[in-house]
Protein backbone atom coordinates (compact mmCIF):
# COMPACT_ATOMS: atom_id res chain seq x y z
CA MET A 1 -16.01 28.86 -36.43
CA PRO A 2 -16.32 25.82 -34.32
CA SER A 3 -19.07 25.53 -31.78
CA PHE A 4 -18.54 25.73 -28.15
CA ASP A 5 -19.49 21.99 -27.79
CA ASP A 6 -16.87 21.08 -30.59
CA ILE A 7 -14.15 23.00 -28.76
CA VAL A 8 -14.98 21.20 -25.41
CA SER A 9 -15.06 17.89 -27.19
CA GLU A 10 -11.74 18.47 -28.87
CA LEU A 11 -10.12 19.46 -25.57
CA GLN A 12 -11.45 16.32 -23.81
CA ASP A 13 -10.14 14.15 -26.61
CA LYS A 14 -6.69 15.83 -26.04
CA ILE A 15 -6.95 15.24 -22.26
CA ASN A 16 -7.82 11.54 -22.73
CA GLU A 17 -5.04 10.98 -25.30
CA GLU A 18 -2.42 12.61 -22.86
CA ALA A 19 -3.78 10.53 -19.81
CA VAL A 20 -3.57 7.38 -21.93
CA GLU A 21 0.03 8.29 -22.89
CA ALA A 22 0.93 8.91 -19.25
CA TYR A 23 -0.77 6.11 -17.61
CA GLY A 24 -1.54 3.49 -20.24
CA GLN A 25 -4.95 2.29 -21.22
CA ALA A 26 -5.66 0.47 -17.90
CA GLY A 27 -4.52 3.43 -15.85
CA PHE A 28 -6.57 5.55 -17.96
CA GLU A 29 -9.66 3.55 -17.29
CA ARG A 30 -8.98 3.63 -13.72
CA TRP A 31 -8.45 7.39 -13.76
CA ARG A 32 -11.93 7.89 -15.55
CA ASP A 33 -13.86 5.35 -13.52
CA GLN A 34 -12.06 5.46 -10.12
CA PRO A 35 -13.04 2.08 -8.55
CA TYR A 36 -13.31 2.20 -4.85
CA ARG A 37 -13.69 5.89 -4.88
CA GLY A 38 -15.35 7.17 -1.68
CA GLU A 39 -15.91 5.90 1.88
CA PRO A 40 -17.67 2.55 2.07
CA ALA A 41 -20.79 2.63 4.24
CA GLY A 42 -19.30 0.02 6.59
CA ALA A 43 -15.86 1.50 6.85
CA ASP A 44 -14.63 1.47 10.44
CA TYR A 45 -11.07 2.63 9.99
CA GLU A 46 -9.32 5.62 8.16
CA GLY A 47 -5.75 6.37 7.31
CA SER A 48 -4.35 9.41 5.44
CA SER A 49 -0.97 10.46 4.09
CA THR A 50 0.11 13.84 2.68
CA GLY A 51 2.94 14.39 0.34
CA GLY A 52 5.30 17.15 -0.14
CA CYS A 53 3.32 18.13 -3.26
CA GLY A 54 0.34 18.83 -1.06
CA ASP A 55 -1.86 15.98 -2.17
CA THR A 56 -3.53 13.87 0.51
CA ILE A 57 -4.83 10.56 0.05
CA TRP A 58 -7.35 8.97 2.49
CA ILE A 59 -7.90 5.22 2.72
CA TYR A 60 -10.96 3.76 4.35
CA LEU A 61 -11.23 -0.03 5.49
CA GLN A 62 -14.09 -2.13 6.49
CA ILE A 63 -12.66 -5.04 8.50
CA GLU A 64 -14.42 -8.15 9.65
CA GLY A 65 -12.52 -10.88 11.45
CA ASP A 66 -9.24 -9.36 10.61
CA THR A 67 -9.87 -9.46 6.96
CA VAL A 68 -10.56 -6.27 4.87
CA VAL A 69 -13.99 -6.78 3.27
CA ASP A 70 -14.22 -3.50 1.70
CA ALA A 71 -12.15 -0.50 1.11
CA GLY A 72 -12.18 2.95 -0.41
CA PHE A 73 -10.25 6.15 -1.00
CA ALA A 74 -10.43 9.77 -1.38
CA THR A 75 -7.90 12.28 -2.53
CA ASP A 76 -7.76 15.96 -3.08
CA GLY A 77 -4.76 15.64 -5.44
CA CYS A 78 -4.02 14.78 -9.10
CA GLY A 79 -4.94 11.74 -11.35
CA SER A 80 -1.95 10.03 -10.22
CA SER A 81 -3.13 10.38 -6.52
CA ALA A 82 -6.57 9.04 -7.62
CA ILE A 83 -5.33 6.01 -9.53
CA SER A 84 -2.74 5.15 -6.66
CA GLY A 85 -5.60 5.39 -4.03
CA SER A 86 -7.82 3.22 -6.08
CA MET A 87 -5.23 0.56 -6.54
CA ALA A 88 -4.16 0.59 -2.87
CA ALA A 89 -7.99 0.11 -1.97
CA GLU A 90 -8.37 -2.70 -4.41
CA LEU A 91 -5.22 -4.52 -3.40
CA ALA A 92 -6.41 -4.43 0.37
CA VAL A 93 -9.75 -6.02 -0.17
CA GLY A 94 -9.76 -9.68 0.80
CA LYS A 95 -6.44 -9.37 2.58
CA ARG A 96 -5.83 -10.11 6.21
CA CYS A 97 -4.66 -7.09 8.22
CA GLU A 98 -1.30 -8.65 8.86
CA ASP A 99 -0.68 -8.76 5.10
CA LEU A 100 -1.31 -5.21 4.46
CA ALA A 101 2.27 -4.13 5.14
CA ALA A 102 3.29 -5.86 1.90
CA ILE A 103 1.30 -3.38 -0.02
CA THR A 104 4.03 -0.92 -0.54
CA GLY A 105 4.50 1.84 -3.14
CA GLU A 106 6.27 -0.61 -5.39
CA ALA A 107 3.23 -2.93 -4.99
CA VAL A 108 0.83 -0.18 -5.98
CA LEU A 109 2.91 0.70 -9.12
CA GLU A 110 3.10 -2.99 -10.09
CA GLY A 111 -0.61 -3.21 -9.84
CA LEU A 112 -0.86 -0.30 -12.07
CA GLY A 113 1.35 -2.05 -14.73
CA GLY A 114 4.78 -1.00 -13.47
CA PRO A 115 6.58 2.20 -12.76
CA ASP A 116 6.52 3.23 -16.26
CA ARG A 117 2.86 3.38 -16.29
CA MET A 118 2.95 6.48 -14.35
CA PRO A 119 4.88 9.79 -14.84
CA GLU A 120 8.19 9.82 -12.95
CA ASP A 121 7.20 12.97 -11.21
CA ASP A 122 4.08 11.48 -9.84
CA ARG A 123 5.40 8.03 -8.69
CA HIS A 124 5.55 9.26 -5.21
CA CYS A 125 1.67 9.16 -5.16
CA ALA A 126 2.01 5.28 -5.04
CA TRP A 127 3.82 5.59 -1.71
CA LEU A 128 1.31 8.23 -0.42
CA ALA A 129 -1.53 5.60 -1.09
CA ALA A 130 0.51 2.73 0.58
CA ASN A 131 1.26 4.93 3.65
CA ALA A 132 -2.37 5.94 3.88
CA LEU A 133 -3.34 2.14 3.84
CA LEU A 134 -0.81 1.54 6.71
CA GLU A 135 -2.21 4.21 8.74
CA ALA A 136 -5.73 2.83 8.21
CA VAL A 137 -4.65 -0.59 9.30
CA GLY A 138 -2.66 1.09 12.16
CA SER A 139 -5.97 2.63 13.42
CA TYR A 140 -7.45 -0.90 13.44
CA TYR A 141 -4.60 -2.27 15.59
CA ARG A 142 -4.68 0.63 17.91
CA GLN A 143 -8.40 -0.04 18.59
CA MET A 144 -7.88 -3.80 18.96
CA ALA A 145 -5.24 -3.00 21.51
CA ALA A 146 -7.40 -0.48 23.38
CA GLN A 147 -10.29 -2.97 23.50
CA SER A 148 -7.92 -5.72 24.77
CA LYS A 149 -6.83 -3.28 27.53
CA ALA A 150 -10.40 -2.68 28.52
CA ASP A 151 -11.37 -6.30 28.57
């Protein structure tokens, strides 16, 4: 009879194989390591988007001089939500705020290797991530407008 550790190892190997099949090797690595996960210490702005599936993605931005210098994400959802949030945060870093509108769901999917690198039923997660990013930059613009009015 196999040991408990052997059973767990075999199960993990199967999960990993299925993830590589679903997301490709690059998507699998992003799923495992999840770059940009969490709220950066200097984040000033936050946006979120919730899908009909119930998943929510939060995007956090640290903006200096109208440029995103750091970004992060969180999600309470599936692996597709995690890799989409991670990619949206990565795509935002180094961009001027006015250029963030170009980071659409399509751009997130392309960053992940194209639409075929995500299960069809999960592709909406790329749009959740893009919408959360737009909400975050919207909070930046609202704060700038409020400060401008106060001055």
